[in-house]
Amino acid sequence: FVKFSNGLFVIKYEIDLVETEDGGITATWTQHFTGLSEAGNDM
């Protein structure tokens, strides 16, 4: 997902699902924040 937050920042969300040996799933949640303003950089 890409989320735009009113001139503050953009976040790219990545969610990856990988099977584990025990039959479960490892879900890796990654967020890449990029500031669009000084206020966004501060957040």
PDB file of all heavy atoms in Angstrom:
ATOM      1  N   PHE A   1       0.851  -1.175   0.000  1.00  0.00           N
ATOM      2  CA  PHE A   1       0.000   0.000   0.000  1.00  0.00           C
ATOM      3  C   PHE A   1       0.889   1.228   0.000  1.00  0.00           C
ATOM      4  O   PHE A   1       1.965   1.214   0.589  1.00  0.00           O
ATOM      5  CB  PHE A   1      -0.850   0.074   1.286  1.00  0.00           C
ATOM      6  CG  PHE A   1      -1.693  -1.128   1.558  1.00  0.00           C
ATOM      7  CD1 PHE A   1      -1.209  -2.192   2.308  1.00  0.00           C
ATOM      8  CD2 PHE A   1      -2.996  -1.189   1.088  1.00  0.00           C
ATOM      9  CE1 PHE A   1      -2.004  -3.286   2.581  1.00  0.00           C
ATOM     10  CE2 PHE A   1      -3.802  -2.277   1.359  1.00  0.00           C
ATOM     11  CZ  PHE A   1      -3.304  -3.336   2.114  1.00  0.00           C
ATOM     12  N   VAL A   2       0.433   2.305  -0.607  1.00  0.00           N
ATOM     13  CA  VAL A   2       1.074   3.601  -0.468  1.00  0.00           C
ATOM     14  C   VAL A   2       0.035   4.513   0.159  1.00  0.00           C
ATOM     15  O   VAL A   2      -1.112   4.578  -0.312  1.00  0.00           O
ATOM     16  CB  VAL A   2       1.564   4.166  -1.816  1.00  0.00           C
ATOM     17  CG1 VAL A   2       2.148   5.560  -1.625  1.00  0.00           C
ATOM     18  CG2 VAL A   2       2.592   3.232  -2.441  1.00  0.00           C
ATOM     19  N   LYS A   3       0.429   5.202   1.238  1.00  0.00           N
ATOM     20  CA  LYS A   3      -0.475   6.102   1.956  1.00  0.00           C
ATOM     21  C   LYS A   3       0.080   7.518   1.892  1.00  0.00           C
ATOM     22  O   LYS A   3       1.240   7.755   2.214  1.00  0.00           O
ATOM     23  CB  LYS A   3      -0.626   5.671   3.412  1.00  0.00           C
ATOM     24  CG  LYS A   3      -1.512   6.621   4.210  1.00  0.00           C
ATOM     25  CD  LYS A   3      -1.845   6.090   5.587  1.00  0.00           C
ATOM     26  CE  LYS A   3      -0.713   6.237   6.550  1.00  0.00           C
ATOM     27  NZ  LYS A   3      -1.126   5.965   7.932  1.00  0.00           N
ATOM     28  N   PHE A   4      -0.776   8.456   1.484  1.00  0.00           N
ATOM     29  CA  PHE A   4      -0.419   9.866   1.397  1.00  0.00           C
ATOM     30  C   PHE A   4      -1.103  10.592   2.547  1.00  0.00           C
ATOM     31  O   PHE A   4      -2.310  10.479   2.723  1.00  0.00           O
ATOM     32  CB  PHE A   4      -0.896  10.458   0.060  1.00  0.00           C
ATOM     33  CG  PHE A   4      -0.323   9.748  -1.128  1.00  0.00           C
ATOM     34  CD1 PHE A   4      -0.972   8.650  -1.671  1.00  0.00           C
ATOM     35  CD2 PHE A   4       0.872  10.163  -1.686  1.00  0.00           C
ATOM     36  CE1 PHE A   4      -0.442   7.983  -2.765  1.00  0.00           C
ATOM     37  CE2 PHE A   4       1.408   9.498  -2.781  1.00  0.00           C
ATOM     38  CZ  PHE A   4       0.750   8.413  -3.313  1.00  0.00           C
ATOM     39  N   SER A   5      -0.338  11.352   3.296  1.00  0.00           N
ATOM     40  CA  SER A   5      -0.876  12.032   4.462  1.00  0.00           C
ATOM     41  C   SER A   5      -0.718  13.546   4.331  1.00  0.00           C
ATOM     42  O   SER A   5       0.265  14.122   4.784  1.00  0.00           O
ATOM     43  CB  SER A   5      -0.175  11.522   5.727  1.00  0.00           C
ATOM     44  OG  SER A   5      -0.804  12.029   6.873  1.00  0.00           O
ATOM     45  N   ASN A   6      -1.696  14.176   3.678  1.00  0.00           N
ATOM     46  CA  ASN A   6      -1.866  15.634   3.604  1.00  0.00           C
ATOM     47  C   ASN A   6      -0.612  16.499   3.633  1.00  0.00           C
ATOM     48  O   ASN A   6      -0.461  17.357   4.491  1.00  0.00           O
ATOM     49  CB  ASN A   6      -2.787  16.085   4.734  1.00  0.00           C
ATOM     50  CG  ASN A   6      -4.226  16.137   4.319  1.00  0.00           C
ATOM     51  OD1 ASN A   6      -4.561  15.774   3.198  1.00  0.00           O
ATOM     52  ND2 ASN A   6      -5.079  16.574   5.210  1.00  0.00           N
ATOM     53  N   GLY A   7       0.291  16.285   2.736  1.00  0.00           N
ATOM     54  CA  GLY A   7       1.481  17.130   2.651  1.00  0.00           C
ATOM     55  C   GLY A   7       2.494  16.899   3.749  1.00  0.00           C
ATOM     56  O   GLY A   7       3.484  17.620   3.843  1.00  0.00           O
ATOM     57  N   LEU A   8       2.279  15.885   4.589  1.00  0.00           N
ATOM     58  CA  LEU A   8       3.212  15.595   5.682  1.00  0.00           C
ATOM     59  C   LEU A   8       4.233  14.547   5.269  1.00  0.00           C
ATOM     60  O   LEU A   8       5.430  14.761   5.384  1.00  0.00           O
ATOM     61  CB  LEU A   8       2.449  15.133   6.925  1.00  0.00           C
ATOM     62  CG  LEU A   8       1.544  16.182   7.554  1.00  0.00           C
ATOM     63  CD1 LEU A   8       0.644  15.561   8.610  1.00  0.00           C
ATOM     64  CD2 LEU A   8       2.375  17.313   8.136  1.00  0.00           C
ATOM     65  N   PHE A   9       3.735  13.394   4.821  1.00  0.00           N
ATOM     66  CA  PHE A   9       4.623  12.304   4.426  1.00  0.00           C
ATOM     67  C   PHE A   9       3.876  11.304   3.563  1.00  0.00           C
ATOM     68  O   PHE A   9       2.653  11.352   3.449  1.00  0.00           O
ATOM     69  CB  PHE A   9       5.241  11.588   5.637  1.00  0.00           C
ATOM     70  CG  PHE A   9       4.246  11.162   6.673  1.00  0.00           C
ATOM     71  CD1 PHE A   9       3.457  10.050   6.498  1.00  0.00           C
ATOM     72  CD2 PHE A   9       4.107  11.892   7.841  1.00  0.00           C
ATOM     73  CE1 PHE A   9       2.541   9.664   7.443  1.00  0.00           C
ATOM     74  CE2 PHE A   9       3.199  11.508   8.800  1.00  0.00           C
ATOM     75  CZ  PHE A   9       2.404  10.389   8.604  1.00  0.00           C
ATOM     76  N   VAL A  10       4.646  10.408   2.986  1.00  0.00           N
ATOM     77  CA  VAL A  10       4.134   9.255   2.258  1.00  0.00           C
ATOM     78  C   VAL A  10       4.697   8.027   2.958  1.00  0.00           C
ATOM     79  O   VAL A  10       5.863   8.025   3.373  1.00  0.00           O
ATOM     80  CB  VAL A  10       4.600   9.264   0.780  1.00  0.00           C
ATOM     81  CG1 VAL A  10       4.185   7.990   0.071  1.00  0.00           C
ATOM     82  CG2 VAL A  10       4.064  10.479   0.057  1.00  0.00           C
ATOM     83  N   ILE A  11       3.862   6.997   3.109  1.00  0.00           N
ATOM     84  CA  ILE A  11       4.340   5.731   3.666  1.00  0.00           C
ATOM     85  C   ILE A  11       4.059   4.633   2.655  1.00  0.00           C
ATOM     86  O   ILE A  11       2.933   4.498   2.178  1.00  0.00           O
ATOM     87  CB  ILE A  11       3.638   5.358   4.988  1.00  0.00           C
ATOM     88  CG1 ILE A  11       3.803   6.443   6.035  1.00  0.00           C
ATOM     89  CG2 ILE A  11       4.186   4.025   5.511  1.00  0.00           C
ATOM     90  CD1 ILE A  11       3.026   6.181   7.314  1.00  0.00           C
ATOM     91  N   LYS A  12       5.074   3.856   2.341  1.00  0.00           N
ATOM     92  CA  LYS A  12       4.884   2.648   1.540  1.00  0.00           C
ATOM     93  C   LYS A  12       4.901   1.476   2.521  1.00  0.00           C
ATOM     94  O   LYS A  12       5.865   1.293   3.260  1.00  0.00           O
ATOM     95  CB  LYS A  12       5.995   2.481   0.515  1.00  0.00           C
ATOM     96  CG  LYS A  12       5.812   1.248  -0.332  1.00  0.00           C
ATOM     97  CD  LYS A  12       6.936   1.115  -1.336  1.00  0.00           C
ATOM     98  CE  LYS A  12       6.807  -0.165  -2.112  1.00  0.00           C
ATOM     99  NZ  LYS A  12       8.081  -0.537  -2.717  1.00  0.00           N
ATOM    100  N   TYR A  13       3.785   0.747   2.562  1.00  0.00           N
ATOM    101  CA  TYR A  13       3.664  -0.440   3.408  1.00  0.00           C
ATOM    102  C   TYR A  13       3.917  -1.667   2.556  1.00  0.00           C
ATOM    103  O   TYR A  13       3.332  -1.788   1.471  1.00  0.00           O
ATOM    104  CB  TYR A  13       2.241  -0.583   3.949  1.00  0.00           C
ATOM    105  CG  TYR A  13       1.822   0.396   4.996  1.00  0.00           C
ATOM    106  CD1 TYR A  13       1.421   1.679   4.664  1.00  0.00           C
ATOM    107  CD2 TYR A  13       1.796   0.022   6.331  1.00  0.00           C
ATOM    108  CE1 TYR A  13       0.997   2.569   5.626  1.00  0.00           C
ATOM    109  CE2 TYR A  13       1.380   0.908   7.306  1.00  0.00           C
ATOM    110  CZ  TYR A  13       0.975   2.178   6.948  1.00  0.00           C
ATOM    111  OH  TYR A  13       0.559   3.058   7.900  1.00  0.00           O
ATOM    112  N   GLU A  14       4.721  -2.586   3.057  1.00  0.00           N
ATOM    113  CA  GLU A  14       4.943  -3.866   2.378  1.00  0.00           C
ATOM    114  C   GLU A  14       4.635  -4.965   3.384  1.00  0.00           C
ATOM    115  O   GLU A  14       5.131  -4.932   4.515  1.00  0.00           O
ATOM    116  CB  GLU A  14       6.402  -3.999   1.945  1.00  0.00           C
ATOM    117  CG  GLU A  14       6.865  -2.916   1.010  1.00  0.00           C
ATOM    118  CD  GLU A  14       8.373  -2.892   0.820  1.00  0.00           C
ATOM    119  OE1 GLU A  14       9.102  -3.568   1.585  1.00  0.00           O
ATOM    120  OE2 GLU A  14       8.825  -2.168  -0.064  1.00  0.00           O
ATOM    121  N   ILE A  15       3.824  -5.930   2.977  1.00  0.00           N
ATOM    122  CA  ILE A  15       3.530  -7.078   3.838  1.00  0.00           C
ATOM    123  C   ILE A  15       3.812  -8.334   3.023  1.00  0.00           C
ATOM    124  O   ILE A  15       3.194  -8.563   1.978  1.00  0.00           O
ATOM    125  CB  ILE A  15       2.071  -7.075   4.332  1.00  0.00           C
ATOM    126  CG1 ILE A  15       1.751  -5.757   5.032  1.00  0.00           C
ATOM    127  CG2 ILE A  15       1.840  -8.265   5.275  1.00  0.00           C
ATOM    128  CD1 ILE A  15       0.283  -5.562   5.360  1.00  0.00           C
ATOM    129  N   ASP A  16       4.779  -9.122   3.512  1.00  0.00           N
ATOM    130  CA  ASP A  16       5.178 -10.365   2.858  1.00  0.00           C
ATOM    131  C   ASP A  16       4.813 -11.547   3.739  1.00  0.00           C
ATOM    132  O   ASP A  16       5.082 -11.529   4.952  1.00  0.00           O
ATOM    133  CB  ASP A  16       6.699 -10.390   2.630  1.00  0.00           C
ATOM    134  CG  ASP A  16       7.128  -9.428   1.553  1.00  0.00           C
ATOM    135  OD1 ASP A  16       6.684  -9.608   0.415  1.00  0.00           O
ATOM    136  OD2 ASP A  16       7.897  -8.510   1.850  1.00  0.00           O
ATOM    137  N   LEU A  17       4.216 -12.582   3.142  1.00  0.00           N
ATOM    138  CA  LEU A  17       3.837 -13.796   3.858  1.00  0.00           C
ATOM    139  C   LEU A  17       4.703 -14.953   3.380  1.00  0.00           C
ATOM    140  O   LEU A  17       4.751 -15.235   2.174  1.00  0.00           O
ATOM    141  CB  LEU A  17       2.362 -14.125   3.606  1.00  0.00           C
ATOM    142  CG  LEU A  17       1.352 -13.023   3.943  1.00  0.00           C
ATOM    143  CD1 LEU A  17      -0.068 -13.476   3.584  1.00  0.00           C
ATOM    144  CD2 LEU A  17       1.439 -12.617   5.395  1.00  0.00           C
ATOM    145  N   VAL A  18       5.379 -15.619   4.338  1.00  0.00           N
ATOM    146  CA  VAL A  18       6.264 -16.737   4.022  1.00  0.00           C
ATOM    147  C   VAL A  18       5.923 -17.898   4.950  1.00  0.00           C
ATOM    148  O   VAL A  18       5.809 -17.716   6.171  1.00  0.00           O
ATOM    149  CB  VAL A  18       7.755 -16.336   4.198  1.00  0.00           C
ATOM    150  CG1 VAL A  18       8.672 -17.511   3.944  1.00  0.00           C
ATOM    151  CG2 VAL A  18       8.101 -15.168   3.283  1.00  0.00           C
ATOM    152  N   GLU A  19       5.770 -19.083   4.375  1.00  0.00           N
ATOM    153  CA  GLU A  19       5.475 -20.272   5.172  1.00  0.00           C
ATOM    154  C   GLU A  19       6.686 -20.654   6.010  1.00  0.00           C
ATOM    155  O   GLU A  19       7.835 -20.548   5.564  1.00  0.00           O
ATOM    156  CB  GLU A  19       5.087 -21.435   4.269  1.00  0.00           C
ATOM    157  CG  GLU A  19       3.782 -21.206   3.552  1.00  0.00           C
ATOM    158  CD  GLU A  19       3.445 -22.299   2.553  1.00  0.00           C
ATOM    159  OE1 GLU A  19       4.281 -23.187   2.298  1.00  0.00           O
ATOM    160  OE2 GLU A  19       2.334 -22.241   2.009  1.00  0.00           O
ATOM    161  N   THR A  20       6.425 -21.115   7.240  1.00  0.00           N
ATOM    162  CA  THR A  20       7.481 -21.592   8.132  1.00  0.00           C
ATOM    163  C   THR A  20       7.461 -23.119   8.160  1.00  0.00           C
ATOM    164  O   THR A  20       6.483 -23.740   7.726  1.00  0.00           O
ATOM    165  CB  THR A  20       7.285 -21.045   9.557  1.00  0.00           C
ATOM    166  OG1 THR A  20       6.033 -21.514  10.067  1.00  0.00           O
ATOM    167  CG2 THR A  20       7.322 -19.526   9.572  1.00  0.00           C
ATOM    168  N   GLU A  21       8.522 -23.718   8.682  1.00  0.00           N
ATOM    169  CA  GLU A  21       8.610 -25.174   8.729  1.00  0.00           C
ATOM    170  C   GLU A  21       7.544 -25.791   9.619  1.00  0.00           C
ATOM    171  O   GLU A  21       7.162 -26.944   9.422  1.00  0.00           O
ATOM    172  CB  GLU A  21      10.006 -25.598   9.199  1.00  0.00           C
ATOM    173  CG  GLU A  21      11.079 -25.316   8.175  1.00  0.00           C
ATOM    174  CD  GLU A  21      12.449 -25.775   8.628  1.00  0.00           C
ATOM    175  OE1 GLU A  21      12.546 -26.550   9.601  1.00  0.00           O
ATOM    176  OE2 GLU A  21      13.432 -25.356   7.991  1.00  0.00           O
ATOM    177  N   ASP A  22       7.056 -25.041  10.614  1.00  0.00           N
ATOM    178  CA  ASP A  22       6.047 -25.587  11.532  1.00  0.00           C
ATOM    179  C   ASP A  22       4.618 -25.425  11.007  1.00  0.00           C
ATOM    180  O   ASP A  22       3.655 -25.717  11.710  1.00  0.00           O
ATOM    181  CB  ASP A  22       6.180 -24.960  12.916  1.00  0.00           C
ATOM    182  CG  ASP A  22       5.861 -23.466  12.937  1.00  0.00           C
ATOM    183  OD1 ASP A  22       5.511 -22.903  11.884  1.00  0.00           O
ATOM    184  OD2 ASP A  22       5.973 -22.867  14.018  1.00  0.00           O
ATOM    185  N   GLY A  23       4.467 -24.943   9.772  1.00  0.00           N
ATOM    186  CA  GLY A  23       3.146 -24.820   9.179  1.00  0.00           C
ATOM    187  C   GLY A  23       2.499 -23.463   9.375  1.00  0.00           C
ATOM    188  O   GLY A  23       1.398 -23.233   8.886  1.00  0.00           O
ATOM    189  N   GLY A  24       3.156 -22.579  10.078  1.00  0.00           N
ATOM    190  CA  GLY A  24       2.627 -21.232  10.251  1.00  0.00           C
ATOM    191  C   GLY A  24       3.125 -20.297   9.165  1.00  0.00           C
ATOM    192  O   GLY A  24       3.662 -20.733   8.143  1.00  0.00           O
ATOM    193  N   ILE A  25       2.952 -19.027   9.424  1.00  0.00           N
ATOM    194  CA  ILE A  25       3.351 -17.995   8.466  1.00  0.00           C
ATOM    195  C   ILE A  25       4.161 -16.930   9.202  1.00  0.00           C
ATOM    196  O   ILE A  25       3.792 -16.508  10.302  1.00  0.00           O
ATOM    197  CB  ILE A  25       2.122 -17.320   7.826  1.00  0.00           C
ATOM    198  CG1 ILE A  25       1.309 -18.325   7.008  1.00  0.00           C
ATOM    199  CG2 ILE A  25       2.508 -16.108   6.982  1.00  0.00           C
ATOM    200  CD1 ILE A  25       2.014 -18.881   5.787  1.00  0.00           C
ATOM    201  N   THR A  26       5.246 -16.491   8.588  1.00  0.00           N
ATOM    202  CA  THR A  26       5.925 -15.285   9.043  1.00  0.00           C
ATOM    203  C   THR A  26       5.460 -14.161   8.127  1.00  0.00           C
ATOM    204  O   THR A  26       5.586 -14.252   6.907  1.00  0.00           O
ATOM    205  CB  THR A  26       7.454 -15.421   8.963  1.00  0.00           C
ATOM    206  OG1 THR A  26       7.876 -16.445   9.866  1.00  0.00           O
ATOM    207  CG2 THR A  26       8.147 -14.114   9.325  1.00  0.00           C
ATOM    208  N   ALA A  27       4.877 -13.143   8.751  1.00  0.00           N
ATOM    209  CA  ALA A  27       4.442 -11.958   8.013  1.00  0.00           C
ATOM    210  C   ALA A  27       5.404 -10.829   8.357  1.00  0.00           C
ATOM    211  O   ALA A  27       5.529 -10.460   9.522  1.00  0.00           O
ATOM    212  CB  ALA A  27       3.015 -11.574   8.398  1.00  0.00           C
ATOM    213  N   THR A  28       6.099 -10.317   7.368  1.00  0.00           N
ATOM    214  CA  THR A  28       7.016  -9.203   7.578  1.00  0.00           C
ATOM    215  C   THR A  28       6.321  -7.926   7.134  1.00  0.00           C
ATOM    216  O   THR A  28       5.934  -7.790   5.970  1.00  0.00           O
ATOM    217  CB  THR A  28       8.320  -9.401   6.794  1.00  0.00           C
ATOM    218  OG1 THR A  28       8.904 -10.652   7.176  1.00  0.00           O
ATOM    219  CG2 THR A  28       9.298  -8.260   7.073  1.00  0.00           C
ATOM    220  N   TRP A  29       6.135  -7.014   8.095  1.00  0.00           N
ATOM    221  CA  TRP A  29       5.499  -5.718   7.855  1.00  0.00           C
ATOM    222  C   TRP A  29       6.600  -4.670   7.810  1.00  0.00           C
ATOM    223  O   TRP A  29       7.314  -4.481   8.790  1.00  0.00           O
ATOM    224  CB  TRP A  29       4.536  -5.377   8.982  1.00  0.00           C
ATOM    225  CG  TRP A  29       3.321  -6.241   9.066  1.00  0.00           C
ATOM    226  CD1 TRP A  29       3.286  -7.597   9.244  1.00  0.00           C
ATOM    227  CD2 TRP A  29       1.972  -5.817   9.016  1.00  0.00           C
ATOM    228  NE1 TRP A  29       2.002  -8.034   9.292  1.00  0.00           N
ATOM    229  CE2 TRP A  29       1.160  -6.956   9.163  1.00  0.00           C
ATOM    230  CE3 TRP A  29       1.377  -4.569   8.859  1.00  0.00           C
ATOM    231  CZ2 TRP A  29      -0.223  -6.878   9.151  1.00  0.00           C
ATOM    232  CZ3 TRP A  29      -0.013  -4.512   8.854  1.00  0.00           C
ATOM    233  CH2 TRP A  29      -0.795  -5.652   8.994  1.00  0.00           C
ATOM    234  N   THR A  30       6.736  -3.989   6.691  1.00  0.00           N
ATOM    235  CA  THR A  30       7.756  -2.957   6.536  1.00  0.00           C
ATOM    236  C   THR A  30       7.086  -1.653   6.120  1.00  0.00           C
ATOM    237  O   THR A  30       6.206  -1.653   5.259  1.00  0.00           O
ATOM    238  CB  THR A  30       8.798  -3.376   5.484  1.00  0.00           C
ATOM    239  OG1 THR A  30       9.362  -4.633   5.884  1.00  0.00           O
ATOM    240  CG2 THR A  30       9.897  -2.343   5.349  1.00  0.00           C
ATOM    241  N   GLN A  31       7.512  -0.566   6.742  1.00  0.00           N
ATOM    242  CA  GLN A  31       7.035   0.765   6.375  1.00  0.00           C
ATOM    243  C   GLN A  31       8.226   1.623   5.973  1.00  0.00           C
ATOM    244  O   GLN A  31       9.211   1.696   6.699  1.00  0.00           O
ATOM    245  CB  GLN A  31       6.321   1.453   7.543  1.00  0.00           C
ATOM    246  CG  GLN A  31       5.019   0.843   7.924  1.00  0.00           C
ATOM    247  CD  GLN A  31       4.326   1.617   9.035  1.00  0.00           C
ATOM    248  OE1 GLN A  31       4.922   2.465   9.685  1.00  0.00           O
ATOM    249  NE2 GLN A  31       3.062   1.331   9.241  1.00  0.00           N
ATOM    250  N   HIS A  32       8.112   2.263   4.812  1.00  0.00           N
ATOM    251  CA  HIS A  32       9.107   3.225   4.339  1.00  0.00           C
ATOM    252  C   HIS A  32       8.449   4.602   4.402  1.00  0.00           C
ATOM    253  O   HIS A  32       7.526   4.882   3.643  1.00  0.00           O
ATOM    254  CB  HIS A  32       9.532   2.924   2.901  1.00  0.00           C
ATOM    255  CG  HIS A  32      10.060   1.552   2.690  1.00  0.00           C
ATOM    256  ND1 HIS A  32      11.348   1.206   3.002  1.00  0.00           N
ATOM    257  CD2 HIS A  32       9.462   0.434   2.212  1.00  0.00           C
ATOM    258  CE1 HIS A  32      11.533  -0.070   2.709  1.00  0.00           C
ATOM    259  NE2 HIS A  32      10.402  -0.563   2.233  1.00  0.00           N
ATOM    260  N   PHE A  33       8.906   5.446   5.315  1.00  0.00           N
ATOM    261  CA  PHE A  33       8.380   6.803   5.485  1.00  0.00           C
ATOM    262  C   PHE A  33       9.227   7.764   4.659  1.00  0.00           C
ATOM    263  O   PHE A  33      10.454   7.688   4.697  1.00  0.00           O
ATOM    264  CB  PHE A  33       8.509   7.266   6.938  1.00  0.00           C
ATOM    265  CG  PHE A  33       7.662   6.524   7.918  1.00  0.00           C
ATOM    266  CD1 PHE A  33       8.068   5.320   8.460  1.00  0.00           C
ATOM    267  CD2 PHE A  33       6.453   7.060   8.348  1.00  0.00           C
ATOM    268  CE1 PHE A  33       7.296   4.657   9.388  1.00  0.00           C
ATOM    269  CE2 PHE A  33       5.676   6.407   9.279  1.00  0.00           C
ATOM    270  CZ  PHE A  33       6.096   5.199   9.804  1.00  0.00           C
ATOM    271  N   THR A  34       8.592   8.711   3.983  1.00  0.00           N
ATOM    272  CA  THR A  34       9.293   9.790   3.291  1.00  0.00           C
ATOM    273  C   THR A  34       8.585  11.098   3.630  1.00  0.00           C
ATOM    274  O   THR A  34       7.385  11.235   3.386  1.00  0.00           O
ATOM    275  CB  THR A  34       9.288   9.589   1.764  1.00  0.00           C
ATOM    276  OG1 THR A  34       9.839   8.305   1.462  1.00  0.00           O
ATOM    277  CG2 THR A  34      10.095  10.677   1.074  1.00  0.00           C
ATOM    278  N   GLY A  35       9.334  12.043   4.183  1.00  0.00           N
ATOM    279  CA  GLY A  35       8.767  13.332   4.545  1.00  0.00           C
ATOM    280  C   GLY A  35       8.471  14.178   3.322  1.00  0.00           C
ATOM    281  O   GLY A  35       9.219  14.142   2.340  1.00  0.00           O
ATOM    282  N   LEU A  36       7.384  14.928   3.403  1.00  0.00           N
ATOM    283  CA  LEU A  36       7.010  15.852   2.333  1.00  0.00           C
ATOM    284  C   LEU A  36       7.124  17.303   2.780  1.00  0.00           C
ATOM    285  O   LEU A  36       6.922  18.213   1.984  1.00  0.00           O
ATOM    286  CB  LEU A  36       5.573  15.578   1.872  1.00  0.00           C
ATOM    287  CG  LEU A  36       5.306  14.188   1.297  1.00  0.00           C
ATOM    288  CD1 LEU A  36       3.818  14.025   0.990  1.00  0.00           C
ATOM    289  CD2 LEU A  36       6.147  13.954   0.048  1.00  0.00           C
ATOM    290  N   SER A  37       7.420  17.499   4.060  1.00  0.00           N
ATOM    291  CA  SER A  37       7.534  18.838   4.635  1.00  0.00           C
ATOM    292  C   SER A  37       8.369  18.726   5.904  1.00  0.00           C
ATOM    293  O   SER A  37       8.645  17.622   6.387  1.00  0.00           O
ATOM    294  CB  SER A  37       6.144  19.391   4.984  1.00  0.00           C
ATOM    295  OG  SER A  37       5.542  18.595   5.993  1.00  0.00           O
ATOM    296  N   GLU A  38       8.759  19.866   6.450  1.00  0.00           N
ATOM    297  CA  GLU A  38       9.506  19.840   7.718  1.00  0.00           C
ATOM    298  C   GLU A  38       8.674  19.203   8.827  1.00  0.00           C
ATOM    299  O   GLU A  38       9.184  18.436   9.636  1.00  0.00           O
ATOM    300  CB  GLU A  38       9.949  21.250   8.113  1.00  0.00           C
ATOM    301  CG  GLU A  38      11.014  21.841   7.208  1.00  0.00           C
ATOM    302  CD  GLU A  38      12.310  21.040   7.151  1.00  0.00           C
ATOM    303  OE1 GLU A  38      12.617  20.259   8.083  1.00  0.00           O
ATOM    304  OE2 GLU A  38      13.024  21.175   6.137  1.00  0.00           O
ATOM    305  N   ALA A  39       7.369  19.523   8.864  1.00  0.00           N
ATOM    306  CA  ALA A  39       6.493  18.915   9.873  1.00  0.00           C
ATOM    307  C   ALA A  39       6.452  17.393   9.699  1.00  0.00           C
ATOM    308  O   ALA A  39       6.479  16.653  10.683  1.00  0.00           O
ATOM    309  CB  ALA A  39       5.086  19.500   9.784  1.00  0.00           C
ATOM    310  N   GLY A  40       6.393  16.934   8.457  1.00  0.00           N
ATOM    311  CA  GLY A  40       6.424  15.497   8.187  1.00  0.00           C
ATOM    312  C   GLY A  40       7.740  14.872   8.608  1.00  0.00           C
ATOM    313  O   GLY A  40       7.774  13.792   9.204  1.00  0.00           O
ATOM    314  N   ASN A  41       8.857  15.546   8.303  1.00  0.00           N
ATOM    315  CA  ASN A  41      10.166  15.059   8.740  1.00  0.00           C
ATOM    316  C   ASN A  41      10.215  14.915  10.260  1.00  0.00           C
ATOM    317  O   ASN A  41      10.759  13.941  10.792  1.00  0.00           O
ATOM    318  CB  ASN A  41      11.280  16.003   8.280  1.00  0.00           C
ATOM    319  CG  ASN A  41      11.657  15.818   6.826  1.00  0.00           C
ATOM    320  OD1 ASN A  41      11.232  14.870   6.160  1.00  0.00           O
ATOM    321  ND2 ASN A  41      12.453  16.743   6.314  1.00  0.00           N
ATOM    322  N   ASP A  42       9.640  15.891  10.976  1.00  0.00           N
ATOM    323  CA  ASP A  42       9.625  15.835  12.439  1.00  0.00           C
ATOM    324  C   ASP A  42       8.822  14.636  12.935  1.00  0.00           C
ATOM    325  O   ASP A  42       9.216  13.964  13.893  1.00  0.00           O
ATOM    326  CB  ASP A  42       9.054  17.126  13.027  1.00  0.00           C
ATOM    327  CG  ASP A  42       9.962  18.328  12.811  1.00  0.00           C
ATOM    328  OD1 ASP A  42      11.156  18.138  12.471  1.00  0.00           O
ATOM    329  OD2 ASP A  42       9.469  19.468  12.970  1.00  0.00           O
ATOM    330  N   MET A  43       7.684  14.363  12.298  1.00  0.00           N
ATOM    331  CA  MET A  43       6.875  13.204  12.689  1.00  0.00           C
ATOM    332  C   MET A  43       7.618  11.902  12.440  1.00  0.00           C
ATOM    333  O   MET A  43       7.562  10.979  13.251  1.00  0.00           O
ATOM    334  CB  MET A  43       5.552  13.209  11.939  1.00  0.00           C
ATOM    335  CG  MET A  43       4.630  14.299  12.385  1.00  0.00           C
ATOM    336  SD  MET A  43       3.131  14.267  11.392  1.00  0.00           S
ATOM    337  CE  MET A  43       2.280  15.656  12.112  1.00  0.00           C
TER     338      MET A  43
END
